[in-house]
Amino acid sequence: MSNPGRIAMIRERLTTALSPIKVDIIDDSHKHAGHAGARGGGGHFNVTIVADVFEGKGLLQRHRMVYAALGNAMQSEIHALSIQAYTPQEAPSS
């Protein structure tokens, strides 16, 4: 079951900090029922983000930017996060 409140919070924080062209967020928490992080209340999310700010940045730098944008939510609301971070030129067409 998806958590619209958490998805909205993730989207807002990423949008405010990184001004993305596109953000897709999938809540996969239901796939991890019974997992230690799920029992603690943290969700499992997949984020695909396309932003100009990633230009010239390596994979680790991009992930750090996303984690910084999410701030304290990484300690409480989010247990696991899969990140695909692209520049507009790198983004897969869909």
PDB file of N, CA and C in Angstrom:
ATOM      1  N   MET A   1       0.851  -1.187   0.000  1.00  0.00           N
ATOM      2  CA  MET A   1       0.000   0.000   0.000  1.00  0.00           C
ATOM      3  C   MET A   1       0.888   1.239   0.000  1.00  0.00           C
ATOM      4  N   SER A   2       0.637   2.135  -0.908  1.00  0.00           N
ATOM      5  CA  SER A   2       1.416   3.356  -1.072  1.00  0.00           C
ATOM      6  C   SER A   2       1.103   4.351   0.042  1.00  0.00           C
ATOM      7  N   ASN A   3       2.089   5.176   0.369  1.00  0.00           N
ATOM      8  CA  ASN A   3       1.919   6.206   1.384  1.00  0.00           C
ATOM      9  C   ASN A   3       1.998   7.572   0.703  1.00  0.00           C
ATOM     10  N   PRO A   4       0.841   8.130   0.313  1.00  0.00           N
ATOM     11  CA  PRO A   4       0.839   9.403  -0.419  1.00  0.00           C
ATOM     12  C   PRO A   4       1.497  10.552   0.337  1.00  0.00           C
ATOM     13  N   GLY A   5       1.388  10.564   1.661  1.00  0.00           N
ATOM     14  CA  GLY A   5       2.001  11.630   2.451  1.00  0.00           C
ATOM     15  C   GLY A   5       3.516  11.612   2.351  1.00  0.00           C
ATOM     16  N   ARG A   6       4.096  10.430   2.429  1.00  0.00           N
ATOM     17  CA  ARG A   6       5.555  10.320   2.318  1.00  0.00           C
ATOM     18  C   ARG A   6       6.012  10.645   0.901  1.00  0.00           C
ATOM     19  N   ILE A   7       5.276  10.191  -0.082  1.00  0.00           N
ATOM     20  CA  ILE A   7       5.639  10.489  -1.474  1.00  0.00           C
ATOM     21  C   ILE A   7       5.602  12.000  -1.704  1.00  0.00           C
ATOM     22  N   ALA A   8       4.577  12.673  -1.186  1.00  0.00           N
ATOM     23  CA  ALA A   8       4.463  14.128  -1.337  1.00  0.00           C
ATOM     24  C   ALA A   8       5.621  14.832  -0.636  1.00  0.00           C
ATOM     25  N   MET A   9       6.008  14.349   0.549  1.00  0.00           N
ATOM     26  CA  MET A   9       7.114  14.945   1.291  1.00  0.00           C
ATOM     27  C   MET A   9       8.421  14.781   0.522  1.00  0.00           C
ATOM     28  N   ILE A  10       8.662  13.595  -0.012  1.00  0.00           N
ATOM     29  CA  ILE A  10       9.877  13.343  -0.790  1.00  0.00           C
ATOM     30  C   ILE A  10       9.901  14.255  -2.011  1.00  0.00           C
ATOM     31  N   ARG A  11       8.791  14.320  -2.733  1.00  0.00           N
ATOM     32  CA  ARG A  11       8.702  15.163  -3.931  1.00  0.00           C
ATOM     33  C   ARG A  11       8.957  16.628  -3.592  1.00  0.00           C
ATOM     34  N   GLU A  12       8.365  17.119  -2.504  1.00  0.00           N
ATOM     35  CA  GLU A  12       8.520  18.519  -2.114  1.00  0.00           C
ATOM     36  C   GLU A  12       9.978  18.838  -1.774  1.00  0.00           C
ATOM     37  N   ARG A  13      10.607  17.978  -1.002  1.00  0.00           N
ATOM     38  CA  ARG A  13      12.000  18.235  -0.602  1.00  0.00           C
ATOM     39  C   ARG A  13      12.944  18.191  -1.805  1.00  0.00           C
ATOM     40  N   LEU A  14      12.750  17.220  -2.680  1.00  0.00           N
ATOM     41  CA  LEU A  14      13.612  17.130  -3.866  1.00  0.00           C
ATOM     42  C   LEU A  14      13.385  18.320  -4.791  1.00  0.00           C
ATOM     43  N   THR A  15      12.132  18.724  -4.950  1.00  0.00           N
ATOM     44  CA  THR A  15      11.806  19.852  -5.827  1.00  0.00           C
ATOM     45  C   THR A  15      12.393  21.145  -5.281  1.00  0.00           C
ATOM     46  N   THR A  16      12.254  21.361  -3.983  1.00  0.00           N
ATOM     47  CA  THR A  16      12.775  22.576  -3.359  1.00  0.00           C
ATOM     48  C   THR A  16      14.292  22.660  -3.478  1.00  0.00           C
ATOM     49  N   ALA A  17      14.975  21.553  -3.227  1.00  0.00           N
ATOM     50  CA  ALA A  17      16.438  21.569  -3.175  1.00  0.00           C
ATOM     51  C   ALA A  17      17.108  21.457  -4.537  1.00  0.00           C
ATOM     52  N   LEU A  18      16.496  20.700  -5.465  1.00  0.00           N
ATOM     53  CA  LEU A  18      17.203  20.357  -6.700  1.00  0.00           C
ATOM     54  C   LEU A  18      16.541  20.860  -7.981  1.00  0.00           C
ATOM     55  N   SER A  19      15.377  21.456  -7.893  1.00  0.00           N
ATOM     56  CA  SER A  19      14.646  21.980  -9.059  1.00  0.00           C
ATOM     57  C   SER A  19      14.652  20.999 -10.236  1.00  0.00           C
ATOM     58  N   PRO A  20      14.183  19.781 -10.005  1.00  0.00           N
ATOM     59  CA  PRO A  20      14.229  18.783 -11.078  1.00  0.00           C
ATOM     60  C   PRO A  20      13.259  19.077 -12.208  1.00  0.00           C
ATOM     61  N   ILE A  21      13.609  18.535 -13.363  1.00  0.00           N
ATOM     62  CA  ILE A  21      12.735  18.590 -14.525  1.00  0.00           C
ATOM     63  C   ILE A  21      11.675  17.502 -14.398  1.00  0.00           C
ATOM     64  N   LYS A  22      12.079  16.394 -13.773  1.00  0.00           N
ATOM     65  CA  LYS A  22      11.180  15.252 -13.616  1.00  0.00           C
ATOM     66  C   LYS A  22      11.552  14.506 -12.343  1.00  0.00           C
ATOM     67  N   VAL A  23      10.528  14.053 -11.605  1.00  0.00           N
ATOM     68  CA  VAL A  23      10.729  13.215 -10.425  1.00  0.00           C
ATOM     69  C   VAL A  23       9.666  12.128 -10.444  1.00  0.00           C
ATOM     70  N   ASP A  24      10.094  10.878 -10.420  1.00  0.00           N
ATOM     71  CA  ASP A  24       9.178   9.743 -10.281  1.00  0.00           C
ATOM     72  C   ASP A  24       9.521   9.042  -8.981  1.00  0.00           C
ATOM     73  N   ILE A  25       8.507   8.785  -8.176  1.00  0.00           N
ATOM     74  CA  ILE A  25       8.705   8.141  -6.879  1.00  0.00           C
ATOM     75  C   ILE A  25       7.779   6.941  -6.795  1.00  0.00           C
ATOM     76  N   ILE A  26       8.354   5.796  -6.498  1.00  0.00           N
ATOM     77  CA  ILE A  26       7.576   4.573  -6.333  1.00  0.00           C
ATOM     78  C   ILE A  26       7.772   4.087  -4.904  1.00  0.00           C
ATOM     79  N   ASP A  27       6.655   3.836  -4.229  1.00  0.00           N
ATOM     80  CA  ASP A  27       6.678   3.311  -2.867  1.00  0.00           C
ATOM     81  C   ASP A  27       6.635   1.785  -2.952  1.00  0.00           C
ATOM     82  N   ASP A  28       7.754   1.149  -2.613  1.00  0.00           N
ATOM     83  CA  ASP A  28       7.840  -0.313  -2.630  1.00  0.00           C
ATOM     84  C   ASP A  28       7.768  -0.902  -1.226  1.00  0.00           C
ATOM     85  N   SER A  29       7.269  -0.143  -0.286  1.00  0.00           N
ATOM     86  CA  SER A  29       7.237  -0.582   1.109  1.00  0.00           C
ATOM     87  C   SER A  29       6.477  -1.892   1.281  1.00  0.00           C
ATOM     88  N   HIS A  30       5.406  -2.069   0.511  1.00  0.00           N
ATOM     89  CA  HIS A  30       4.589  -3.281   0.630  1.00  0.00           C
ATOM     90  C   HIS A  30       5.383  -4.550   0.322  1.00  0.00           C
ATOM     91  N   LYS A  31       6.442  -4.427  -0.450  1.00  0.00           N
ATOM     92  CA  LYS A  31       7.274  -5.584  -0.797  1.00  0.00           C
ATOM     93  C   LYS A  31       8.186  -5.999   0.352  1.00  0.00           C
ATOM     94  N   HIS A  32       8.242  -5.165   1.386  1.00  0.00           N
ATOM     95  CA  HIS A  32       9.178  -5.399   2.485  1.00  0.00           C
ATOM     96  C   HIS A  32       8.472  -5.581   3.822  1.00  0.00           C
ATOM     97  N   ALA A  33       7.218  -5.993   3.778  1.00  0.00           N
ATOM     98  CA  ALA A  33       6.467  -6.219   5.015  1.00  0.00           C
ATOM     99  C   ALA A  33       7.211  -7.238   5.879  1.00  0.00           C
ATOM    100  N   GLY A  34       7.340  -6.937   7.146  1.00  0.00           N
ATOM    101  CA  GLY A  34       8.039  -7.828   8.062  1.00  0.00           C
ATOM    102  C   GLY A  34       9.523  -7.552   8.166  1.00  0.00           C
ATOM    103  N   HIS A  35      10.062  -6.769   7.241  1.00  0.00           N
ATOM    104  CA  HIS A  35      11.468  -6.390   7.265  1.00  0.00           C
ATOM    105  C   HIS A  35      11.691  -5.457   8.452  1.00  0.00           C
ATOM    106  N   ALA A  36      12.864  -5.507   9.050  1.00  0.00           N
ATOM    107  CA  ALA A  36      13.151  -4.709  10.253  1.00  0.00           C
ATOM    108  C   ALA A  36      12.846  -3.229  10.047  1.00  0.00           C
ATOM    109  N   GLY A  37      13.253  -2.665   8.924  1.00  0.00           N
ATOM    110  CA  GLY A  37      12.995  -1.249   8.652  1.00  0.00           C
ATOM    111  C   GLY A  37      11.525  -0.949   8.498  1.00  0.00           C
ATOM    112  N   ALA A  38      10.799  -1.883   7.890  1.00  0.00           N
ATOM    113  CA  ALA A  38       9.358  -1.692   7.706  1.00  0.00           C
ATOM    114  C   ALA A  38       8.657  -1.713   9.065  1.00  0.00           C
ATOM    115  N   ARG A  39       9.086  -2.603   9.953  1.00  0.00           N
ATOM    116  CA  ARG A  39       8.482  -2.661  11.291  1.00  0.00           C
ATOM    117  C   ARG A  39       8.736  -1.358  12.048  1.00  0.00           C
ATOM    118  N   GLY A  40       9.872  -0.720  11.787  1.00  0.00           N
ATOM    119  CA  GLY A  40      10.197   0.538  12.451  1.00  0.00           C
ATOM    120  C   GLY A  40       9.465   1.740  11.866  1.00  0.00           C
ATOM    121  N   GLY A  41       8.704   1.537  10.806  1.00  0.00           N
ATOM    122  CA  GLY A  41       7.906   2.602  10.218  1.00  0.00           C
ATOM    123  C   GLY A  41       8.511   3.261   9.002  1.00  0.00           C
ATOM    124  N   GLY A  42       9.762   2.963   8.671  1.00  0.00           N
ATOM    125  CA  GLY A  42      10.393   3.570   7.504  1.00  0.00           C
ATOM    126  C   GLY A  42       9.971   2.886   6.226  1.00  0.00           C
ATOM    127  N   GLY A  43       9.810   3.659   5.173  1.00  0.00           N
ATOM    128  CA  GLY A  43       9.383   3.114   3.888  1.00  0.00           C
ATOM    129  C   GLY A  43      10.546   2.812   2.956  1.00  0.00           C
ATOM    130  N   HIS A  44      10.256   2.035   1.928  1.00  0.00           N
ATOM    131  CA  HIS A  44      11.212   1.692   0.871  1.00  0.00           C
ATOM    132  C   HIS A  44      10.751   2.388  -0.413  1.00  0.00           C
ATOM    133  N   PHE A  45      11.610   3.219  -0.976  1.00  0.00           N
ATOM    134  CA  PHE A  45      11.229   4.015  -2.129  1.00  0.00           C
ATOM    135  C   PHE A  45      12.253   3.913  -3.254  1.00  0.00           C
ATOM    136  N   ASN A  46      11.753   4.014  -4.487  1.00  0.00           N
ATOM    137  CA  ASN A  46      12.587   4.132  -5.683  1.00  0.00           C
ATOM    138  C   ASN A  46      12.350   5.524  -6.250  1.00  0.00           C
ATOM    139  N   VAL A  47      13.431   6.278  -6.446  1.00  0.00           N
ATOM    140  CA  VAL A  47      13.327   7.637  -6.974  1.00  0.00           C
ATOM    141  C   VAL A  47      14.123   7.730  -8.268  1.00  0.00           C
ATOM    142  N   THR A  48      13.475   8.233  -9.291  1.00  0.00           N
ATOM    143  CA  THR A  48      14.156   8.600 -10.531  1.00  0.00           C
ATOM    144  C   THR A  48      14.013  10.107 -10.650  1.00  0.00           C
ATOM    145  N   ILE A  49      15.147  10.781 -10.738  1.00  0.00           N
ATOM    146  CA  ILE A  49      15.136  12.245 -10.766  1.00  0.00           C
ATOM    147  C   ILE A  49      16.026  12.741 -11.900  1.00  0.00           C
ATOM    148  N   VAL A  50      15.509  13.716 -12.626  1.00  0.00           N
ATOM    149  CA  VAL A  50      16.238  14.339 -13.736  1.00  0.00           C
ATOM    150  C   VAL A  50      16.379  15.814 -13.398  1.00  0.00           C
ATOM    151  N   ALA A  51      17.640  16.281 -13.322  1.00  0.00           N
ATOM    152  CA  ALA A  51      17.864  17.676 -12.926  1.00  0.00           C
ATOM    153  C   ALA A  51      19.155  18.216 -13.535  1.00  0.00           C
ATOM    154  N   ASP A  52      19.122  19.471 -13.889  1.00  0.00           N
ATOM    155  CA  ASP A  52      20.310  20.145 -14.417  1.00  0.00           C
ATOM    156  C   ASP A  52      21.452  20.188 -13.405  1.00  0.00           C
ATOM    157  N   VAL A  53      21.114  20.222 -12.100  1.00  0.00           N
ATOM    158  CA  VAL A  53      22.152  20.345 -11.071  1.00  0.00           C
ATOM    159  C   VAL A  53      23.096  19.145 -11.023  1.00  0.00           C
ATOM    160  N   PHE A  54      22.729  18.052 -11.683  1.00  0.00           N
ATOM    161  CA  PHE A  54      23.594  16.868 -11.703  1.00  0.00           C
ATOM    162  C   PHE A  54      24.689  16.959 -12.766  1.00  0.00           C
ATOM    163  N   GLU A  55      24.610  17.964 -13.615  1.00  0.00           N
ATOM    164  CA  GLU A  55      25.613  18.140 -14.675  1.00  0.00           C
ATOM    165  C   GLU A  55      27.014  18.243 -14.072  1.00  0.00           C
ATOM    166  N   GLY A  56      27.915  17.429 -14.561  1.00  0.00           N
ATOM    167  CA  GLY A  56      29.297  17.452 -14.105  1.00  0.00           C
ATOM    168  C   GLY A  56      29.532  16.752 -12.775  1.00  0.00           C
ATOM    169  N   LYS A  57      28.499  16.150 -12.210  1.00  0.00           N
ATOM    170  CA  LYS A  57      28.614  15.463 -10.922  1.00  0.00           C
ATOM    171  C   LYS A  57      28.667  13.954 -11.153  1.00  0.00           C
ATOM    172  N   GLY A  58      29.479  13.276 -10.347  1.00  0.00           N
ATOM    173  CA  GLY A  58      29.552  11.828 -10.390  1.00  0.00           C
ATOM    174  C   GLY A  58      28.382  11.197  -9.647  1.00  0.00           C
ATOM    175  N   LEU A  59      28.270   9.887  -9.742  1.00  0.00           N
ATOM    176  CA  LEU A  59      27.175   9.142  -9.120  1.00  0.00           C
ATOM    177  C   LEU A  59      27.101   9.395  -7.616  1.00  0.00           C
ATOM    178  N   LEU A  60      28.226   9.305  -6.927  1.00  0.00           N
ATOM    179  CA  LEU A  60      28.242   9.498  -5.481  1.00  0.00           C
ATOM    180  C   LEU A  60      27.808  10.917  -5.100  1.00  0.00           C
ATOM    181  N   GLN A  61      28.290  11.905  -5.840  1.00  0.00           N
ATOM    182  CA  GLN A  61      27.890  13.292  -5.566  1.00  0.00           C
ATOM    183  C   GLN A  61      26.388  13.478  -5.766  1.00  0.00           C
ATOM    184  N   ARG A  62      25.839  12.878  -6.803  1.00  0.00           N
ATOM    185  CA  ARG A  62      24.400  12.988  -7.068  1.00  0.00           C
ATOM    186  C   ARG A  62      23.595  12.366  -5.933  1.00  0.00           C
ATOM    187  N   HIS A  63      24.014  11.184  -5.485  1.00  0.00           N
ATOM    188  CA  HIS A  63      23.301  10.525  -4.395  1.00  0.00           C
ATOM    189  C   HIS A  63      23.392  11.356  -3.115  1.00  0.00           C
ATOM    190  N   ARG A  64      24.548  11.927  -2.848  1.00  0.00           N
ATOM    191  CA  ARG A  64      24.697  12.777  -1.659  1.00  0.00           C
ATOM    192  C   ARG A  64      23.781  13.996  -1.743  1.00  0.00           C
ATOM    193  N   MET A  65      23.607  14.550  -2.925  1.00  0.00           N
ATOM    194  CA  MET A  65      22.709  15.693  -3.107  1.00  0.00           C
ATOM    195  C   MET A  65      21.269  15.294  -2.789  1.00  0.00           C
ATOM    196  N   VAL A  66      20.865  14.115  -3.235  1.00  0.00           N
ATOM    197  CA  VAL A  66      19.511  13.632  -2.956  1.00  0.00           C
ATOM    198  C   VAL A  66      19.342  13.392  -1.456  1.00  0.00           C
ATOM    199  N   TYR A  67      20.309  12.714  -0.834  1.00  0.00           N
ATOM    200  CA  TYR A  67      20.225  12.476   0.615  1.00  0.00           C
ATOM    201  C   TYR A  67      20.176  13.787   1.389  1.00  0.00           C
ATOM    202  N   ALA A  68      20.977  14.761   0.992  1.00  0.00           N
ATOM    203  CA  ALA A  68      20.973  16.062   1.667  1.00  0.00           C
ATOM    204  C   ALA A  68      19.614  16.743   1.523  1.00  0.00           C
ATOM    205  N   ALA A  69      19.020  16.634   0.354  1.00  0.00           N
ATOM    206  CA  ALA A  69      17.703  17.240   0.127  1.00  0.00           C
ATOM    207  C   ALA A  69      16.638  16.598   1.020  1.00  0.00           C
ATOM    208  N   LEU A  70      16.766  15.311   1.271  1.00  0.00           N
ATOM    209  CA  LEU A  70      15.781  14.602   2.085  1.00  0.00           C
ATOM    210  C   LEU A  70      16.014  14.801   3.574  1.00  0.00           C
ATOM    211  N   GLY A  71      17.231  15.171   3.935  1.00  0.00           N
ATOM    212  CA  GLY A  71      17.545  15.526   5.323  1.00  0.00           C
ATOM    213  C   GLY A  71      17.158  14.467   6.337  1.00  0.00           C
ATOM    214  N   ASN A  72      16.500  14.903   7.414  1.00  0.00           N
ATOM    215  CA  ASN A  72      16.181  14.019   8.529  1.00  0.00           C
ATOM    216  C   ASN A  72      15.160  12.939   8.183  1.00  0.00           C
ATOM    217  N   ALA A  73      14.496  13.045   7.044  1.00  0.00           N
ATOM    218  CA  ALA A  73      13.549  12.002   6.637  1.00  0.00           C
ATOM    219  C   ALA A  73      14.263  10.672   6.425  1.00  0.00           C
ATOM    220  N   MET A  74      15.570  10.738   6.129  1.00  0.00           N
ATOM    221  CA  MET A  74      16.342   9.507   5.945  1.00  0.00           C
ATOM    222  C   MET A  74      16.497   8.742   7.262  1.00  0.00           C
ATOM    223  N   GLN A  75      16.323   9.389   8.390  1.00  0.00           N
ATOM    224  CA  GLN A  75      16.428   8.715   9.674  1.00  0.00           C
ATOM    225  C   GLN A  75      15.080   8.253  10.211  1.00  0.00           C
ATOM    226  N   SER A  76      13.990   8.786   9.643  1.00  0.00           N
ATOM    227  CA  SER A  76      12.685   8.467  10.223  1.00  0.00           C
ATOM    228  C   SER A  76      11.686   7.923   9.200  1.00  0.00           C
ATOM    229  N   GLU A  77      11.426   8.663   8.162  1.00  0.00           N
ATOM    230  CA  GLU A  77      10.380   8.306   7.197  1.00  0.00           C
ATOM    231  C   GLU A  77      10.835   7.314   6.128  1.00  0.00           C
ATOM    232  N   ILE A  78      12.132   7.303   5.845  1.00  0.00           N
ATOM    233  CA  ILE A  78      12.659   6.486   4.753  1.00  0.00           C
ATOM    234  C   ILE A  78      13.663   5.485   5.314  1.00  0.00           C
ATOM    235  N   HIS A  79      13.391   4.213   5.101  1.00  0.00           N
ATOM    236  CA  HIS A  79      14.333   3.172   5.532  1.00  0.00           C
ATOM    237  C   HIS A  79      15.307   2.820   4.413  1.00  0.00           C
ATOM    238  N   ALA A  80      14.782   2.736   3.192  1.00  0.00           N
ATOM    239  CA  ALA A  80      15.619   2.364   2.049  1.00  0.00           C
ATOM    240  C   ALA A  80      15.240   3.222   0.850  1.00  0.00           C
ATOM    241  N   LEU A  81      16.269   3.624   0.090  1.00  0.00           N
ATOM    242  CA  LEU A  81      16.043   4.493  -1.052  1.00  0.00           C
ATOM    243  C   LEU A  81      16.929   4.053  -2.208  1.00  0.00           C
ATOM    244  N   SER A  82      16.289   3.770  -3.324  1.00  0.00           N
ATOM    245  CA  SER A  82      17.009   3.473  -4.559  1.00  0.00           C
ATOM    246  C   SER A  82      16.942   4.728  -5.416  1.00  0.00           C
ATOM    247  N   ILE A  83      18.099   5.201  -5.892  1.00  0.00           N
ATOM    248  CA  ILE A  83      18.160   6.475  -6.614  1.00  0.00           C
ATOM    249  C   ILE A  83      18.702   6.267  -8.018  1.00  0.00           C
ATOM    250  N   GLN A  84      17.989   6.799  -8.994  1.00  0.00           N
ATOM    251  CA  GLN A  84      18.484   6.934 -10.354  1.00  0.00           C
ATOM    252  C   GLN A  84      18.467   8.431 -10.639  1.00  0.00           C
ATOM    253  N   ALA A  85      19.653   9.032 -10.719  1.00  0.00           N
ATOM    254  CA  ALA A  85      19.771  10.484 -10.885  1.00  0.00           C
ATOM    255  C   ALA A  85      20.444  10.783 -12.223  1.00  0.00           C
ATOM    256  N   TYR A  86      19.755  11.540 -13.070  1.00  0.00           N
ATOM    257  CA  TYR A  86      20.222  11.827 -14.424  1.00  0.00           C
ATOM    258  C   TYR A  86      20.245  13.320 -14.710  1.00  0.00           C
ATOM    259  N   THR A  87      21.106  13.716 -15.619  1.00  0.00           N
ATOM    260  CA  THR A  87      21.001  15.035 -16.225  1.00  0.00           C
ATOM    261  C   THR A  87      19.947  14.900 -17.328  1.00  0.00           C
ATOM    262  N   PRO A  88      19.416  16.011 -17.832  1.00  0.00           N
ATOM    263  CA  PRO A  88      18.442  15.906 -18.922  1.00  0.00           C
ATOM    264  C   PRO A  88      18.985  15.148 -20.148  1.00  0.00           C
ATOM    265  N   GLN A  89      20.268  15.287 -20.424  1.00  0.00           N
ATOM    266  CA  GLN A  89      20.858  14.622 -21.582  1.00  0.00           C
ATOM    267  C   GLN A  89      20.983  13.111 -21.370  1.00  0.00           C
ATOM    268  N   GLU A  90      21.123  12.677 -20.131  1.00  0.00           N
ATOM    269  CA  GLU A  90      21.297  11.259 -19.813  1.00  0.00           C
ATOM    270  C   GLU A  90      19.983  10.512 -19.621  1.00  0.00           C
ATOM    271  N   ALA A  91      18.920  11.245 -19.358  1.00  0.00           N
ATOM    272  CA  ALA A  91      17.660  10.627 -18.969  1.00  0.00           C
ATOM    273  C   ALA A  91      17.126   9.675 -20.053  1.00  0.00           C
ATOM    274  N   PRO A  92      16.708   8.483 -19.615  1.00  0.00           N
ATOM    275  CA  PRO A  92      16.115   7.564 -20.578  1.00  0.00           C
ATOM    276  C   PRO A  92      14.798   8.153 -21.092  1.00  0.00           C
ATOM    277  N   SER A  93      14.529   7.982 -22.357  1.00  0.00           N
ATOM    278  CA  SER A  93      13.268   8.496 -22.893  1.00  0.00           C
ATOM    279  C   SER A  93      12.145   7.558 -22.499  1.00  0.00           C
ATOM    280  N   SER A  94      11.035   8.174 -22.154  1.00  0.00           N
ATOM    281  CA  SER A  94       9.876   7.365 -21.758  1.00  0.00           C
ATOM    282  C   SER A  94       8.598   7.992 -22.234  1.00  0.00           C
TER     283      SER A  94
END
